[in-house]
N, C-alpha and C. Protein backbone atom coordinates (compact mmCIF):
# COMPACT_ATOMS: atom_id res chain seq x y z
N MET A 1 103.49 107.91 88.97
CA MET A 1 104.10 106.81 90.43
C MET A 1 103.05 105.84 89.98
N PRO A 2 103.80 104.71 90.27
CA PRO A 2 103.14 103.85 90.10
C PRO A 2 102.88 103.35 91.59
N THR A 3 101.60 102.05 91.55
CA THR A 3 101.30 101.93 92.95
C THR A 3 101.77 101.14 93.57
N LEU A 4 101.80 101.31 95.44
CA LEU A 4 103.01 100.60 96.00
C LEU A 4 102.00 99.29 96.35
N ALA A 5 102.95 98.73 96.54
CA ALA A 5 102.86 97.11 96.68
C ALA A 5 102.41 96.83 98.51
N ALA A 6 102.04 95.95 98.70
CA ALA A 6 101.54 95.67 100.36
C ALA A 6 102.60 95.81 101.34
N SER A 7 104.00 95.51 100.86
CA SER A 7 105.16 95.68 101.49
C SER A 7 105.49 96.68 101.74
N GLN A 8 105.64 97.80 100.69
CA GLN A 8 105.47 98.87 100.45
C GLN A 8 104.86 100.11 101.63
N VAL A 9 103.93 99.65 101.20
CA VAL A 9 102.27 100.66 102.14
C VAL A 9 102.92 100.29 104.11
N ALA A 10 103.25 99.10 103.77
CA ALA A 10 103.31 98.75 105.02
C ALA A 10 104.75 99.27 106.30
N LYS A 11 105.55 99.18 104.95
CA LYS A 11 106.73 100.14 105.48
C LYS A 11 106.10 102.07 105.85
N LEU A 12 105.79 102.10 105.48
CA LEU A 12 105.51 103.08 105.38
C LEU A 12 104.24 104.20 106.71
N LEU A 13 103.07 102.46 106.71
CA LEU A 13 102.63 102.23 107.73
C LEU A 13 103.48 102.14 108.82
N HIS A 14 104.58 101.33 109.23
CA HIS A 14 104.88 100.80 110.02
C HIS A 14 105.67 102.35 110.82
N GLU A 15 106.40 103.04 109.85
CA GLU A 15 106.97 104.22 110.62
C GLU A 15 105.59 105.57 110.43
N PHE A 16 105.19 105.73 109.78
CA PHE A 16 103.72 106.54 110.66
C PHE A 16 103.47 106.15 112.21
N GLY A 17 102.98 104.69 112.81
CA GLY A 17 103.35 104.38 114.19
C GLY A 17 104.04 104.42 114.35
N GLN A 18 105.48 104.94 114.26
CA GLN A 18 106.50 104.95 115.12
C GLN A 18 106.80 106.44 115.15
N ARG A 19 106.56 107.13 114.03
CA ARG A 19 106.49 108.74 114.38
C ARG A 19 105.47 109.02 115.38
N ILE A 20 104.31 108.28 115.05
CA ILE A 20 103.35 108.98 116.07
C ILE A 20 103.85 108.69 117.47
N SER A 21 104.48 108.32 117.69
CA SER A 21 105.17 107.26 118.99
C SER A 21 105.74 108.32 119.51
N LEU A 22 107.00 108.74 118.81
CA LEU A 22 108.06 109.47 118.93
C LEU A 22 107.09 110.83 118.97
N ARG A 23 106.35 111.20 118.98
CA ARG A 23 105.44 112.79 118.82
C ARG A 23 105.32 113.00 120.37
N GLY A 24 105.21 111.40 120.72
CA GLY A 24 104.22 112.11 122.34
C GLY A 24 102.90 111.63 121.76
N GLY A 25 102.42 110.95 120.74
CA GLY A 25 100.66 110.54 120.41
C GLY A 25 100.34 109.50 120.71
N ASN A 26 98.77 109.67 121.06
CA ASN A 26 98.35 107.97 121.65
C ASN A 26 98.71 106.78 121.44
N PRO A 27 99.46 106.09 122.12
CA PRO A 27 99.88 104.73 122.07
C PRO A 27 99.87 103.44 121.55
N TYR A 28 98.05 103.92 121.67
CA TYR A 28 97.34 103.19 121.28
C TYR A 28 96.88 103.18 119.77
N ARG A 29 96.58 103.92 119.21
CA ARG A 29 96.97 104.99 117.76
C ARG A 29 98.30 104.63 116.95
N ALA A 30 99.41 104.41 117.65
CA ALA A 30 100.60 104.08 116.85
C ALA A 30 100.91 102.70 117.05
N ARG A 31 99.92 101.85 117.79
CA ARG A 31 100.06 100.47 117.68
C ARG A 31 99.22 100.23 116.85
N ALA A 32 97.64 100.73 116.61
CA ALA A 32 97.16 99.94 115.21
C ALA A 32 97.89 100.73 114.07
N TYR A 33 98.41 101.64 114.08
CA TYR A 33 99.32 101.42 112.57
C TYR A 33 100.23 100.34 112.34
N THR A 34 101.21 99.97 113.68
CA THR A 34 101.55 99.07 113.42
C THR A 34 101.16 97.55 112.92
N ARG A 35 99.81 97.56 113.91
CA ARG A 35 99.13 96.19 113.94
C ARG A 35 99.07 96.44 112.49
N ALA A 36 98.11 97.04 111.81
CA ALA A 36 97.76 97.40 110.28
C ALA A 36 98.51 96.61 109.20
N ALA A 37 100.10 97.58 109.40
CA ALA A 37 100.82 96.96 109.00
C ALA A 37 101.73 95.68 108.65
N GLU A 38 101.81 94.98 110.17
CA GLU A 38 101.60 93.97 110.03
C GLU A 38 100.88 92.77 109.60
N ASN A 39 99.18 93.54 108.87
CA ASN A 39 98.26 92.81 108.65
C ASN A 39 98.36 92.85 107.50
N LEU A 40 99.29 93.73 106.63
CA LEU A 40 99.49 93.84 105.03
C LEU A 40 100.11 93.09 104.73
N LEU A 41 101.01 92.35 105.18
CA LEU A 41 101.97 91.87 104.99
C LEU A 41 102.07 90.17 105.09
N VAL A 42 100.89 90.30 105.43
CA VAL A 42 100.28 88.43 105.30
C VAL A 42 99.30 88.52 104.18
N LEU A 43 99.10 89.88 103.81
CA LEU A 43 97.79 89.47 102.64
C LEU A 43 97.94 88.20 101.73
N ALA A 44 96.79 87.35 101.41
CA ALA A 44 96.73 86.69 100.76
C ALA A 44 96.81 87.06 99.16
N GLU A 45 96.29 87.97 98.53
CA GLU A 45 96.13 89.16 97.07
C GLU A 45 96.80 89.89 97.44
N PRO A 46 96.63 90.41 96.31
CA PRO A 46 97.36 91.87 95.84
C PRO A 46 96.25 93.00 96.66
N LEU A 47 96.93 93.91 96.88
CA LEU A 47 96.51 94.91 98.01
C LEU A 47 95.92 95.85 96.82
N GLU A 48 96.50 95.73 95.89
CA GLU A 48 95.78 96.43 94.43
C GLU A 48 94.50 96.08 94.52
N ASP A 49 93.99 94.65 94.12
CA ASP A 49 92.91 94.33 94.52
C ASP A 49 91.67 94.47 96.03
N ILE A 50 92.71 94.76 96.35
CA ILE A 50 91.64 95.13 97.78
C ILE A 50 91.28 96.30 97.49
N VAL A 51 92.18 96.91 97.14
CA VAL A 51 91.91 98.60 97.51
C VAL A 51 90.56 98.82 96.33
N ALA A 52 90.88 98.18 95.09
CA ALA A 52 89.99 98.53 93.69
C ALA A 52 88.34 98.11 94.43
N GLN A 53 88.79 96.95 95.01
CA GLN A 53 87.17 96.34 95.29
C GLN A 53 86.97 97.12 96.76
N ASN A 54 87.49 98.07 97.19
CA ASN A 54 86.98 98.85 98.64
C ASN A 54 86.93 97.49 99.75
N ARG A 55 88.05 96.87 100.07
CA ARG A 55 88.08 95.87 100.61
C ARG A 55 88.71 95.90 102.01
N LEU A 56 89.49 97.59 101.88
CA LEU A 56 90.28 97.24 103.37
C LEU A 56 89.95 96.71 104.54
N ARG A 57 88.50 97.31 104.90
CA ARG A 57 88.09 97.29 106.17
C ARG A 57 87.80 95.70 106.19
N GLU A 58 88.15 94.85 105.72
CA GLU A 58 88.32 93.49 105.98
C GLU A 58 89.10 92.93 106.68
N ILE A 59 90.40 93.73 106.60
CA ILE A 59 91.82 93.83 106.97
C ILE A 59 91.25 93.72 108.16
N PRO A 60 92.09 92.93 108.95
CA PRO A 60 91.99 93.10 110.62
C PRO A 60 92.40 94.18 110.99
N GLY A 61 92.35 95.23 112.07
CA GLY A 61 93.56 96.11 112.60
C GLY A 61 93.09 97.52 111.68
N VAL A 62 92.52 97.14 110.47
CA VAL A 62 92.06 98.64 109.50
C VAL A 62 91.01 98.98 109.66
N GLY A 63 91.09 100.02 110.00
CA GLY A 63 89.17 100.85 109.94
C GLY A 63 89.50 102.06 108.98
N GLN A 64 88.25 102.95 109.11
CA GLN A 64 88.08 103.97 108.04
C GLN A 64 89.23 104.40 107.92
N ALA A 65 89.40 105.00 108.86
CA ALA A 65 90.72 105.91 109.02
C ALA A 65 92.37 105.45 108.45
N ILE A 66 92.22 104.24 108.86
CA ILE A 66 93.69 103.59 108.24
C ILE A 66 93.21 103.16 106.96
N ALA A 67 92.32 102.64 106.84
CA ALA A 67 91.89 102.53 105.14
C ALA A 67 92.31 103.46 104.37
N ASP A 68 91.86 104.69 104.85
CA ASP A 68 91.81 106.07 104.09
C ASP A 68 93.36 106.08 103.62
N ILE A 69 94.04 106.09 104.56
CA ILE A 69 95.88 106.50 104.80
C ILE A 69 96.58 105.53 104.09
N VAL A 70 96.24 104.15 104.01
CA VAL A 70 96.69 103.54 103.06
C VAL A 70 96.19 103.37 101.55
N THR A 71 94.85 103.62 101.25
CA THR A 71 94.58 103.82 99.78
C THR A 71 95.46 104.74 99.48
N LYS A 72 95.42 106.48 100.01
CA LYS A 72 96.31 107.38 99.23
C LYS A 72 97.79 106.94 99.06
N ILE A 73 98.47 106.25 100.18
CA ILE A 73 99.44 106.11 100.13
C ILE A 73 99.78 104.81 99.17
N HIS A 74 98.85 103.81 98.85
CA HIS A 74 98.85 103.00 97.67
C HIS A 74 99.01 103.54 96.68
N ARG A 75 98.36 104.28 96.48
CA ARG A 75 98.01 105.10 95.00
C ARG A 75 99.72 106.52 94.85
N THR A 76 99.54 107.14 95.72
CA THR A 76 100.67 108.49 95.70
C THR A 76 102.03 107.84 95.98
N GLY A 77 102.19 106.89 97.18
CA GLY A 77 103.06 106.59 97.66
C GLY A 77 103.88 107.54 98.62
N ARG A 78 102.78 108.64 99.09
CA ARG A 78 102.62 109.22 100.50
C ARG A 78 101.81 109.96 100.89
N HIS A 79 101.70 110.42 102.27
CA HIS A 79 100.32 110.98 102.83
C HIS A 79 101.15 112.32 103.38
N PRO A 80 99.92 113.12 103.64
CA PRO A 80 100.59 114.62 104.28
C PRO A 80 100.63 114.61 105.32
N ALA A 81 99.81 113.43 106.52
CA ALA A 81 100.49 113.38 107.45
C ALA A 81 101.70 112.85 107.95
N LEU A 82 102.37 111.75 107.33
CA LEU A 82 103.39 111.30 107.33
C LEU A 82 104.24 112.38 106.79
N ASP A 83 104.35 113.12 105.86
CA ASP A 83 105.25 114.48 105.41
C ASP A 83 105.59 115.16 106.08
N ALA A 84 104.59 115.53 107.04
CA ALA A 84 104.27 116.43 107.88
C ALA A 84 105.48 115.67 109.30
N MET A 85 105.14 114.49 109.32
CA MET A 85 105.22 113.87 110.72
C MET A 85 107.58 113.81 110.49
N ARG A 86 107.63 113.53 109.27
CA ARG A 86 108.80 113.82 108.80
C ARG A 86 109.56 115.50 108.94
N GLN A 87 108.85 116.18 108.22
CA GLN A 87 109.66 117.59 108.95
C GLN A 87 109.47 117.70 110.04
N GLU A 88 108.70 117.55 111.41
CA GLU A 88 108.47 117.64 112.13
C GLU A 88 109.83 116.64 113.58
N ILE A 89 109.99 115.74 112.80
CA ILE A 89 110.51 114.85 113.71
C ILE A 89 111.88 114.44 112.18
N PRO A 90 112.91 114.48 111.71
CA PRO A 90 113.67 114.22 111.16
C PRO A 90 114.07 112.67 110.99
N GLN A 91 114.32 112.26 110.08
CA GLN A 91 114.72 110.72 110.53
C GLN A 91 115.58 110.27 111.24
N VAL A 92 115.22 109.58 112.20
CA VAL A 92 116.10 109.26 113.53
C VAL A 92 116.13 107.49 113.98
N PHE A 93 115.75 106.76 113.07
CA PHE A 93 115.31 104.94 113.10
C PHE A 93 115.43 104.42 111.33
């Protein structure tokens, strides 16, 4: 599978945040995913370059945990935690 562009990763990160919120998770954590997704949408350079140079944490709102998730989603198009939440909470939005 080819790598995903920033807009595609942002869409999945936003979904990640929504699903955390829907399952009653930490609202600050849910908002962190949404904020990171918004910041991915306004990147001035390709996400592929930022990931390759290990510079994700330079993006506002992206800490180590979210950087790891972004990397996995960018490279594979999925993340096990998101897959699990999709099983737990079917598509409702």
